[in-house]
Amino acid sequence: MNDENISTNGDWRLQGQEEFLQGVQLYWRHYARYSENWDHDHCEFCGVKFMVEDYPDVLHQWYSTEDQYYWVCKDRFEDFKERFHWEVANSRGDESGSAS
């Protein structure tokens, strides 16, 4: 089975993300809480955790939508960038995470 078939048929990571991630611009950022009541987020595809705090198996910077509501880890970005037609709006690793 080739990679194209895996990514389009039966890939457990694909669960309707097209509705909110198809063709969007993504920003390379340090993780920032969406609200004060929010302490973490997860990759929309694989579930890896993003947090400000430093814990094992937690990521601190990856790709997000402009409003910082949806997050995509680097590995899933590479897996799905062509399928979802993503553009990277910036590639700076020093972004504060605050949307402007």
C-alpha atoms as a PDB file:
ATOM      1  CA  MET A   1       0.000   0.000   0.000  1.00  0.00           C
ATOM      2  CA  ASN A   2       1.484   3.399  -0.939  1.00  0.00           C
ATOM      3  CA  ASP A   3       1.517   6.532   1.245  1.00  0.00           C
ATOM      4  CA  GLU A   4      -1.231   8.222  -0.793  1.00  0.00           C
ATOM      5  CA  ASN A   5      -3.662   5.381  -0.049  1.00  0.00           C
ATOM      6  CA  ILE A   6      -2.802   5.477   3.644  1.00  0.00           C
ATOM      7  CA  SER A   7      -3.422   9.222   3.885  1.00  0.00           C
ATOM      8  CA  THR A   8      -6.742   9.114   2.041  1.00  0.00           C
ATOM      9  CA  ASN A   9      -8.267   5.788   3.041  1.00  0.00           C
ATOM     10  CA  GLY A  10      -8.498   4.477   6.569  1.00  0.00           C
ATOM     11  CA  ASP A  11      -5.871   6.705   8.194  1.00  0.00           C
ATOM     12  CA  TRP A  12      -6.952   6.899  11.848  1.00  0.00           C
ATOM     13  CA  ARG A  13      -5.505  10.421  12.107  1.00  0.00           C
ATOM     14  CA  LEU A  14      -8.006  11.825   9.588  1.00  0.00           C
ATOM     15  CA  GLN A  15     -11.296  12.551  11.336  1.00  0.00           C
ATOM     16  CA  GLY A  16     -12.911  15.482   9.558  1.00  0.00           C
ATOM     17  CA  GLN A  17     -10.164  18.061  10.084  1.00  0.00           C
ATOM     18  CA  GLU A  18     -10.822  19.318   6.537  1.00  0.00           C
ATOM     19  CA  GLU A  19     -13.728  21.333   7.925  1.00  0.00           C
ATOM     20  CA  PHE A  20     -11.408  23.638   9.859  1.00  0.00           C
ATOM     21  CA  LEU A  21      -7.888  23.053   8.495  1.00  0.00           C
ATOM     22  CA  GLN A  22      -8.233  22.747   4.719  1.00  0.00           C
ATOM     23  CA  GLY A  23      -6.252  25.472   2.945  1.00  0.00           C
ATOM     24  CA  VAL A  24      -5.520  27.558   6.053  1.00  0.00           C
ATOM     25  CA  GLN A  25      -2.361  29.457   6.851  1.00  0.00           C
ATOM     26  CA  LEU A  26      -0.444  28.009   9.763  1.00  0.00           C
ATOM     27  CA  TYR A  27       1.964  29.866  12.013  1.00  0.00           C
ATOM     28  CA  TRP A  28       5.101  28.465  13.655  1.00  0.00           C
ATOM     29  CA  ARG A  29       4.741  29.495  17.306  1.00  0.00           C
ATOM     30  CA  HIS A  30       5.569  28.828  20.880  1.00  0.00           C
ATOM     31  CA  TYR A  31       2.527  27.385  22.591  1.00  0.00           C
ATOM     32  CA  ALA A  32       0.315  29.937  24.357  1.00  0.00           C
ATOM     33  CA  ARG A  33      -2.866  29.157  26.252  1.00  0.00           C
ATOM     34  CA  TYR A  34      -6.061  29.901  24.336  1.00  0.00           C
ATOM     35  CA  SER A  35      -7.591  31.240  27.559  1.00  0.00           C
ATOM     36  CA  GLU A  36      -6.646  31.435  31.242  1.00  0.00           C
ATOM     37  CA  ASN A  37      -8.788  28.353  31.918  1.00  0.00           C
ATOM     38  CA  TRP A  38      -6.888  26.343  29.314  1.00  0.00           C
ATOM     39  CA  ASP A  39      -3.629  24.640  30.380  1.00  0.00           C
ATOM     40  CA  HIS A  40      -2.880  22.585  27.263  1.00  0.00           C
ATOM     41  CA  ASP A  41      -3.911  21.654  23.736  1.00  0.00           C
ATOM     42  CA  HIS A  42      -3.387  18.622  21.516  1.00  0.00           C
ATOM     43  CA  CYS A  43      -2.308  18.068  17.937  1.00  0.00           C
ATOM     44  CA  GLU A  44      -5.444  17.824  15.838  1.00  0.00           C
ATOM     45  CA  PHE A  45      -4.130  14.651  14.230  1.00  0.00           C
ATOM     46  CA  CYS A  46      -2.145  12.568  16.703  1.00  0.00           C
ATOM     47  CA  GLY A  47      -3.060  13.976  20.107  1.00  0.00           C
ATOM     48  CA  VAL A  48       0.449  14.952  21.263  1.00  0.00           C
ATOM     49  CA  LYS A  49       0.166  17.514  24.070  1.00  0.00           C
ATOM     50  CA  PHE A  50       1.235  21.167  23.895  1.00  0.00           C
ATOM     51  CA  MET A  51       1.807  23.110  27.131  1.00  0.00           C
ATOM     52  CA  VAL A  52       3.697  26.108  28.426  1.00  0.00           C
ATOM     53  CA  GLU A  53       5.068  24.080  31.345  1.00  0.00           C
ATOM     54  CA  ASP A  54       7.940  21.681  30.884  1.00  0.00           C
ATOM     55  CA  TYR A  55       6.798  18.074  31.400  1.00  0.00           C
ATOM     56  CA  PRO A  56       7.933  14.846  29.741  1.00  0.00           C
ATOM     57  CA  ASP A  57       6.402  14.199  26.307  1.00  0.00           C
ATOM     58  CA  VAL A  58       5.045  17.749  26.024  1.00  0.00           C
ATOM     59  CA  LEU A  59       5.766  19.992  23.047  1.00  0.00           C
ATOM     60  CA  HIS A  60       6.268  23.730  23.353  1.00  0.00           C
ATOM     61  CA  GLN A  61       6.184  25.008  19.796  1.00  0.00           C
ATOM     62  CA  TRP A  62       4.562  23.850  16.596  1.00  0.00           C
ATOM     63  CA  TYR A  63       2.083  25.059  14.034  1.00  0.00           C
ATOM     64  CA  SER A  64      -1.222  26.748  14.841  1.00  0.00           C
ATOM     65  CA  THR A  65      -4.016  28.559  13.098  1.00  0.00           C
ATOM     66  CA  GLU A  66      -3.971  32.346  13.347  1.00  0.00           C
ATOM     67  CA  ASP A  67      -6.423  32.321  16.272  1.00  0.00           C
ATOM     68  CA  GLN A  68      -4.299  29.673  18.066  1.00  0.00           C
ATOM     69  CA  TYR A  69      -7.311  27.395  18.429  1.00  0.00           C
ATOM     70  CA  TYR A  70      -6.025  24.488  16.315  1.00  0.00           C
ATOM     71  CA  TRP A  71      -2.530  23.032  16.728  1.00  0.00           C
ATOM     72  CA  VAL A  72      -0.549  20.682  14.471  1.00  0.00           C
ATOM     73  CA  CYS A  73       2.723  19.063  15.494  1.00  0.00           C
ATOM     74  CA  LYS A  74       5.700  19.204  13.134  1.00  0.00           C
ATOM     75  CA  ASP A  75       5.453  15.520  12.171  1.00  0.00           C
ATOM     76  CA  ARG A  76       1.755  15.737  11.223  1.00  0.00           C
ATOM     77  CA  PHE A  77       2.420  19.000   9.407  1.00  0.00           C
ATOM     78  CA  GLU A  78       4.930  17.136   7.240  1.00  0.00           C
ATOM     79  CA  ASP A  79       2.509  14.209   6.795  1.00  0.00           C
ATOM     80  CA  PHE A  80      -0.461  16.314   5.695  1.00  0.00           C
ATOM     81  CA  LYS A  81       0.804  19.664   4.317  1.00  0.00           C
ATOM     82  CA  GLU A  82       0.170  18.694   0.689  1.00  0.00           C
ATOM     83  CA  ARG A  83      -3.193  17.053   1.321  1.00  0.00           C
ATOM     84  CA  PHE A  84      -4.485  20.077   3.262  1.00  0.00           C
ATOM     85  CA  HIS A  85      -2.725  22.688   1.061  1.00  0.00           C
ATOM     86  CA  TRP A  86      -1.269  24.513   4.046  1.00  0.00           C
ATOM     87  CA  GLU A  87       0.778  27.659   3.742  1.00  0.00           C
ATOM     88  CA  VAL A  88       3.135  28.750   6.490  1.00  0.00           C
ATOM     89  CA  ALA A  89       2.577  32.407   7.311  1.00  0.00           C
ATOM     90  CA  ASN A  90       5.881  32.648   9.166  1.00  0.00           C
ATOM     91  CA  SER A  91       8.702  30.317  10.016  1.00  0.00           C
ATOM     92  CA  ARG A  92      10.244  32.084  12.984  1.00  0.00           C
ATOM     93  CA  GLY A  93      10.786  29.909  16.037  1.00  0.00           C
ATOM     94  CA  ASP A  94      10.692  32.929  18.335  1.00  0.00           C
ATOM     95  CA  GLU A  95       7.006  33.805  17.993  1.00  0.00           C
ATOM     96  CA  SER A  96       5.407  34.591  21.321  1.00  0.00           C
ATOM     97  CA  GLY A  97       2.241  32.786  20.352  1.00  0.00           C
ATOM     98  CA  SER A  98       0.047  35.859  20.601  1.00  0.00           C
ATOM     99  CA  ALA A  99      -2.191  36.392  17.621  1.00  0.00           C
ATOM    100  CA  SER A 100      -2.287  39.874  16.193  1.00  0.00           C
END
